[in-house]
PDB file of all heavy atoms in Angstrom:
ATOM      1  N   GLY A   1      -4.629  10.110  -5.836  1.00  0.00           N
ATOM      2  CA  GLY A   1      -3.217  10.419  -5.713  1.00  0.00           C
ATOM      3  C   GLY A   1      -2.366   9.258  -5.267  1.00  0.00           C
ATOM      4  O   GLY A   1      -1.180   9.441  -5.003  1.00  0.00           O
ATOM      5  N   ILE A   2      -2.931   8.070  -5.193  1.00  0.00           N
ATOM      6  CA  ILE A   2      -2.149   6.893  -4.821  1.00  0.00           C
ATOM      7  C   ILE A   2      -1.300   6.466  -6.010  1.00  0.00           C
ATOM      8  O   ILE A   2      -1.830   6.237  -7.103  1.00  0.00           O
ATOM      9  CB  ILE A   2      -3.076   5.743  -4.354  1.00  0.00           C
ATOM     10  CG1 ILE A   2      -3.772   6.160  -3.057  1.00  0.00           C
ATOM     11  CG2 ILE A   2      -2.254   4.467  -4.143  1.00  0.00           C
ATOM     12  CD1 ILE A   2      -4.811   5.164  -2.587  1.00  0.00           C
ATOM     13  N   VAL A   3       0.007   6.425  -5.816  1.00  0.00           N
ATOM     14  CA  VAL A   3       0.932   6.069  -6.912  1.00  0.00           C
ATOM     15  C   VAL A   3       1.400   4.634  -6.792  1.00  0.00           C
ATOM     16  O   VAL A   3       1.861   4.042  -7.758  1.00  0.00           O
ATOM     17  CB  VAL A   3       2.130   7.041  -6.985  1.00  0.00           C
ATOM     18  CG1 VAL A   3       1.659   8.436  -7.377  1.00  0.00           C
ATOM     19  CG2 VAL A   3       2.901   7.094  -5.670  1.00  0.00           C
ATOM     20  N   SER A   4       1.279   4.038  -5.610  1.00  0.00           N
ATOM     21  CA  SER A   4       1.647   2.645  -5.396  1.00  0.00           C
ATOM     22  C   SER A   4       0.881   2.108  -4.209  1.00  0.00           C
ATOM     23  O   SER A   4       0.761   2.789  -3.185  1.00  0.00           O
ATOM     24  CB  SER A   4       3.144   2.535  -5.131  1.00  0.00           C
ATOM     25  OG  SER A   4       3.506   1.213  -4.845  1.00  0.00           O
ATOM     26  N   LEU A   5       0.358   0.902  -4.361  1.00  0.00           N
ATOM     27  CA  LEU A   5      -0.315   0.223  -3.248  1.00  0.00           C
ATOM     28  C   LEU A   5       0.017  -1.251  -3.375  1.00  0.00           C
ATOM     29  O   LEU A   5      -0.225  -1.869  -4.408  1.00  0.00           O
ATOM     30  CB  LEU A   5      -1.845   0.427  -3.312  1.00  0.00           C
ATOM     31  CG  LEU A   5      -2.600  -0.081  -2.085  1.00  0.00           C
ATOM     32  CD1 LEU A   5      -3.818   0.786  -1.845  1.00  0.00           C
ATOM     33  CD2 LEU A   5      -2.996  -1.537  -2.218  1.00  0.00           C
ATOM     34  N   ARG A   6       0.658  -1.778  -2.350  1.00  0.00           N
ATOM     35  CA  ARG A   6       1.079  -3.184  -2.337  1.00  0.00           C
ATOM     36  C   ARG A   6       0.574  -3.819  -1.061  1.00  0.00           C
ATOM     37  O   ARG A   6       0.614  -3.203   0.018  1.00  0.00           O
ATOM     38  CB  ARG A   6       2.595  -3.275  -2.409  1.00  0.00           C
ATOM     39  CG  ARG A   6       3.122  -2.650  -3.707  1.00  0.00           C
ATOM     40  CD  ARG A   6       4.602  -2.401  -3.666  1.00  0.00           C
ATOM     41  NE  ARG A   6       5.329  -3.659  -3.587  1.00  0.00           N
ATOM     42  CZ  ARG A   6       6.622  -3.707  -3.230  1.00  0.00           C
ATOM     43  NH1 ARG A   6       7.288  -2.651  -2.954  1.00  0.00           N
ATOM     44  NH2 ARG A   6       7.219  -4.908  -3.191  1.00  0.00           N
ATOM     45  N   ILE A   7       0.112  -5.086  -1.181  1.00  0.00           N
ATOM     46  CA  ILE A   7      -0.345  -5.829  -0.004  1.00  0.00           C
ATOM     47  C   ILE A   7       0.455  -7.140   0.068  1.00  0.00           C
ATOM     48  O   ILE A   7       0.611  -7.816  -0.937  1.00  0.00           O
ATOM     49  CB  ILE A   7      -1.854  -6.142  -0.076  1.00  0.00           C
ATOM     50  CG1 ILE A   7      -2.680  -4.850  -0.122  1.00  0.00           C
ATOM     51  CG2 ILE A   7      -2.280  -7.017   1.118  1.00  0.00           C
ATOM     52  CD1 ILE A   7      -4.158  -5.060  -0.331  1.00  0.00           C
ATOM     53  N   PHE A   8       0.970  -7.423   1.249  1.00  0.00           N
ATOM     54  CA  PHE A   8       1.726  -8.644   1.507  1.00  0.00           C
ATOM     55  C   PHE A   8       0.989  -9.426   2.585  1.00  0.00           C
ATOM     56  O   PHE A   8       0.265  -8.868   3.415  1.00  0.00           O
ATOM     57  CB  PHE A   8       3.139  -8.311   2.021  1.00  0.00           C
ATOM     58  CG  PHE A   8       3.929  -7.480   1.056  1.00  0.00           C
ATOM     59  CD1 PHE A   8       3.860  -6.110   1.042  1.00  0.00           C
ATOM     60  CD2 PHE A   8       4.815  -8.136   0.159  1.00  0.00           C
ATOM     61  CE1 PHE A   8       4.607  -5.350   0.163  1.00  0.00           C
ATOM     62  CE2 PHE A   8       5.551  -7.377  -0.723  1.00  0.00           C
ATOM     63  CZ  PHE A   8       5.452  -5.980  -0.721  1.00  0.00           C
ATOM     64  N   ARG A   9       1.188 -10.745   2.601  1.00  0.00           N
ATOM     65  CA  ARG A   9       0.578 -11.599   3.602  1.00  0.00           C
ATOM     66  C   ARG A   9       1.606 -12.527   4.211  1.00  0.00           C
ATOM     67  O   ARG A   9       2.435 -13.107   3.511  1.00  0.00           O
ATOM     68  CB  ARG A   9      -0.555 -12.433   2.981  1.00  0.00           C
ATOM     69  CG  ARG A   9      -1.277 -13.308   4.007  1.00  0.00           C
ATOM     70  CD  ARG A   9      -2.451 -14.048   3.401  1.00  0.00           C
ATOM     71  NE  ARG A   9      -2.044 -15.077   2.480  1.00  0.00           N
ATOM     72  CZ  ARG A   9      -1.602 -16.310   2.819  1.00  0.00           C
ATOM     73  NH1 ARG A   9      -1.512 -16.636   4.081  1.00  0.00           N
ATOM     74  NH2 ARG A   9      -1.265 -17.170   1.886  1.00  0.00           N
ATOM     75  N   GLU A  10       1.569 -12.632   5.520  1.00  0.00           N
ATOM     76  CA  GLU A  10       2.356 -13.626   6.270  1.00  0.00           C
ATOM     77  C   GLU A  10       1.373 -14.296   7.213  1.00  0.00           C
ATOM     78  O   GLU A  10       0.880 -13.681   8.166  1.00  0.00           O
ATOM     79  CB  GLU A  10       3.479 -12.964   7.057  1.00  0.00           C
ATOM     80  CG  GLU A  10       4.198 -13.860   8.029  1.00  0.00           C
ATOM     81  CD  GLU A  10       4.777 -15.115   7.386  1.00  0.00           C
ATOM     82  OE1 GLU A  10       5.260 -15.054   6.232  1.00  0.00           O
ATOM     83  OE2 GLU A  10       4.737 -16.169   8.047  1.00  0.00           O
ATOM     84  N   GLY A  11       1.023 -15.543   6.894  1.00  0.00           N
ATOM     85  CA  GLY A  11      -0.001 -16.233   7.692  1.00  0.00           C
ATOM     86  C   GLY A  11      -1.328 -15.514   7.528  1.00  0.00           C
ATOM     87  O   GLY A  11      -1.811 -15.297   6.388  1.00  0.00           O
ATOM     88  N   LEU A  12      -1.872 -15.096   8.627  1.00  0.00           N
ATOM     89  CA  LEU A  12      -3.165 -14.371   8.609  1.00  0.00           C
ATOM     90  C   LEU A  12      -2.994 -12.880   8.674  1.00  0.00           C
ATOM     91  O   LEU A  12      -3.977 -12.135   8.687  1.00  0.00           O
ATOM     92  CB  LEU A  12      -4.044 -14.861   9.792  1.00  0.00           C
ATOM     93  CG  LEU A  12      -4.400 -16.330   9.786  1.00  0.00           C
ATOM     94  CD1 LEU A  12      -5.177 -16.696  11.064  1.00  0.00           C
ATOM     95  CD2 LEU A  12      -5.178 -16.707   8.537  1.00  0.00           C
ATOM     96  N   THR A  13      -1.755 -12.402   8.718  1.00  0.00           N
ATOM     97  CA  THR A  13      -1.492 -10.967   8.852  1.00  0.00           C
ATOM     98  C   THR A  13      -1.201 -10.358   7.490  1.00  0.00           C
ATOM     99  O   THR A  13      -0.421 -10.904   6.710  1.00  0.00           O
ATOM    100  CB  THR A  13      -0.281 -10.752   9.772  1.00  0.00           C
ATOM    101  OG1 THR A  13      -0.503 -11.379  11.030  1.00  0.00           O
ATOM    102  CG2 THR A  13      -0.017  -9.273  10.005  1.00  0.00           C
ATOM    103  N   LEU A  14      -1.873  -9.259   7.214  1.00  0.00           N
ATOM    104  CA  LEU A  14      -1.692  -8.493   5.970  1.00  0.00           C
ATOM    105  C   LEU A  14      -0.923  -7.212   6.288  1.00  0.00           C
ATOM    106  O   LEU A  14      -1.135  -6.587   7.327  1.00  0.00           O
ATOM    107  CB  LEU A  14      -3.033  -8.126   5.367  1.00  0.00           C
ATOM    108  CG  LEU A  14      -3.946  -9.261   4.952  1.00  0.00           C
ATOM    109  CD1 LEU A  14      -5.325  -8.722   4.602  1.00  0.00           C
ATOM    110  CD2 LEU A  14      -3.355 -10.032   3.785  1.00  0.00           C
ATOM    111  N   PHE A  15      -0.063  -6.827   5.338  1.00  0.00           N
ATOM    112  CA  PHE A  15       0.689  -5.575   5.428  1.00  0.00           C
ATOM    113  C   PHE A  15       0.427  -4.815   4.132  1.00  0.00           C
ATOM    114  O   PHE A  15       0.622  -5.360   3.050  1.00  0.00           O
ATOM    115  CB  PHE A  15       2.190  -5.837   5.555  1.00  0.00           C
ATOM    116  CG  PHE A  15       2.533  -6.701   6.754  1.00  0.00           C
ATOM    117  CD1 PHE A  15       2.586  -8.067   6.641  1.00  0.00           C
ATOM    118  CD2 PHE A  15       2.804  -6.085   7.978  1.00  0.00           C
ATOM    119  CE1 PHE A  15       2.899  -8.874   7.730  1.00  0.00           C
ATOM    120  CE2 PHE A  15       3.117  -6.879   9.071  1.00  0.00           C
ATOM    121  CZ  PHE A  15       3.162  -8.274   8.953  1.00  0.00           C
ATOM    122  N   MET A  16      -0.019  -3.597   4.246  1.00  0.00           N
ATOM    123  CA  MET A  16      -0.299  -2.788   3.060  1.00  0.00           C
ATOM    124  C   MET A  16       0.625  -1.548   3.095  1.00  0.00           C
ATOM    125  O   MET A  16       0.695  -0.857   4.065  1.00  0.00           O
ATOM    126  CB  MET A  16      -1.766  -2.307   3.040  1.00  0.00           C
ATOM    127  CG  MET A  16      -2.115  -1.457   1.839  1.00  0.00           C
ATOM    128  SD  MET A  16      -3.886  -1.178   1.581  1.00  0.00           S
ATOM    129  CE  MET A  16      -4.409  -0.506   3.130  1.00  0.00           C
ATOM    130  N   ILE A  17       1.321  -1.342   1.966  1.00  0.00           N
ATOM    131  CA  ILE A  17       2.184  -0.193   1.818  1.00  0.00           C
ATOM    132  C   ILE A  17       1.527   0.688   0.751  1.00  0.00           C
ATOM    133  O   ILE A  17       1.332   0.264  -0.394  1.00  0.00           O
ATOM    134  CB  ILE A  17       3.599  -0.622   1.349  1.00  0.00           C
ATOM    135  CG1 ILE A  17       4.202  -1.600   2.364  1.00  0.00           C
ATOM    136  CG2 ILE A  17       4.478   0.600   1.151  1.00  0.00           C
ATOM    137  CD1 ILE A  17       5.472  -2.278   1.917  1.00  0.00           C
ATOM    138  N   VAL A  18       1.209   1.901   1.172  1.00  0.00           N
ATOM    139  CA  VAL A  18       0.565   2.855   0.267  1.00  0.00           C
ATOM    140  C   VAL A  18       1.471   4.089   0.115  1.00  0.00           C
ATOM    141  O   VAL A  18       1.881   4.662   1.120  1.00  0.00           O
ATOM    142  CB  VAL A  18      -0.813   3.331   0.845  1.00  0.00           C
ATOM    143  CG1 VAL A  18      -1.494   4.294  -0.115  1.00  0.00           C
ATOM    144  CG2 VAL A  18      -1.694   2.144   1.163  1.00  0.00           C
ATOM    145  N   GLU A  19       1.751   4.429  -1.121  1.00  0.00           N
ATOM    146  CA  GLU A  19       2.485   5.669  -1.408  1.00  0.00           C
ATOM    147  C   GLU A  19       1.554   6.563  -2.191  1.00  0.00           C
ATOM    148  O   GLU A  19       0.930   6.163  -3.178  1.00  0.00           O
ATOM    149  CB  GLU A  19       3.738   5.370  -2.221  1.00  0.00           C
ATOM    150  CG  GLU A  19       4.767   4.565  -1.456  1.00  0.00           C
ATOM    151  CD  GLU A  19       6.007   4.336  -2.248  1.00  0.00           C
ATOM    152  OE1 GLU A  19       6.418   5.218  -3.062  1.00  0.00           O
ATOM    153  OE2 GLU A  19       6.603   3.268  -2.078  1.00  0.00           O
ATOM    154  N   SER A  20       1.402   7.796  -1.680  1.00  0.00           N
ATOM    155  CA  SER A  20       0.520   8.729  -2.352  1.00  0.00           C
ATOM    156  C   SER A  20       1.208  10.077  -2.541  1.00  0.00           C
ATOM    157  O   SER A  20       2.193  10.390  -1.851  1.00  0.00           O
ATOM    158  CB  SER A  20      -0.781   8.903  -1.528  1.00  0.00           C
ATOM    159  OG  SER A  20      -0.488   9.356  -0.246  1.00  0.00           O
ATOM    160  N   ASP A  21       0.667  10.839  -3.436  1.00  0.00           N
ATOM    161  CA  ASP A  21       1.198  12.184  -3.750  1.00  0.00           C
ATOM    162  C   ASP A  21      -0.006  13.091  -3.906  1.00  0.00           C
ATOM    163  O   ASP A  21      -0.753  12.962  -4.871  1.00  0.00           O
ATOM    164  CB  ASP A  21       2.027  12.134  -5.043  1.00  0.00           C
ATOM    165  CG  ASP A  21       2.675  13.459  -5.368  1.00  0.00           C
ATOM    166  OD1 ASP A  21       2.149  14.504  -4.980  1.00  0.00           O
ATOM    167  OD2 ASP A  21       3.727  13.433  -6.001  1.00  0.00           O
ATOM    168  N   SER A  22      -0.185  13.995  -2.938  1.00  0.00           N
ATOM    169  CA  SER A  22      -1.378  14.850  -2.929  1.00  0.00           C
ATOM    170  C   SER A  22      -1.449  15.756  -4.168  1.00  0.00           C
ATOM    171  O   SER A  22      -2.526  16.136  -4.593  1.00  0.00           O
ATOM    172  CB  SER A  22      -1.415  15.702  -1.674  1.00  0.00           C
ATOM    173  OG  SER A  22      -0.259  16.515  -1.577  1.00  0.00           O
ATOM    174  N   SER A  23      -0.313  16.030  -4.797  1.00  0.00           N
ATOM    175  CA  SER A  23      -0.310  16.893  -5.990  1.00  0.00           C
ATOM    176  C   SER A  23      -0.919  16.180  -7.195  1.00  0.00           C
ATOM    177  O   SER A  23      -1.262  16.795  -8.203  1.00  0.00           O
ATOM    178  CB  SER A  23       1.086  17.398  -6.317  1.00  0.00           C
ATOM    179  OG  SER A  23       1.929  16.349  -6.785  1.00  0.00           O
ATOM    180  N   LEU A  24      -1.027  14.841  -7.114  1.00  0.00           N
ATOM    181  CA  LEU A  24      -1.598  14.073  -8.216  1.00  0.00           C
ATOM    182  C   LEU A  24      -3.095  13.769  -8.034  1.00  0.00           C
ATOM    183  O   LEU A  24      -3.743  13.239  -8.942  1.00  0.00           O
ATOM    184  CB  LEU A  24      -0.842  12.738  -8.366  1.00  0.00           C
ATOM    185  CG  LEU A  24       0.655  12.870  -8.674  1.00  0.00           C
ATOM    186  CD1 LEU A  24       1.313  11.489  -8.693  1.00  0.00           C
ATOM    187  CD2 LEU A  24       0.870  13.593  -9.988  1.00  0.00           C
TER     188      LEU A  24
END
């Protein structure tokens, strides 16, 4: 049900944005 998953990096730090929809 994940509709979008994006990972960003700043130096050694990672940021992950996950959008999901349980109906999918």
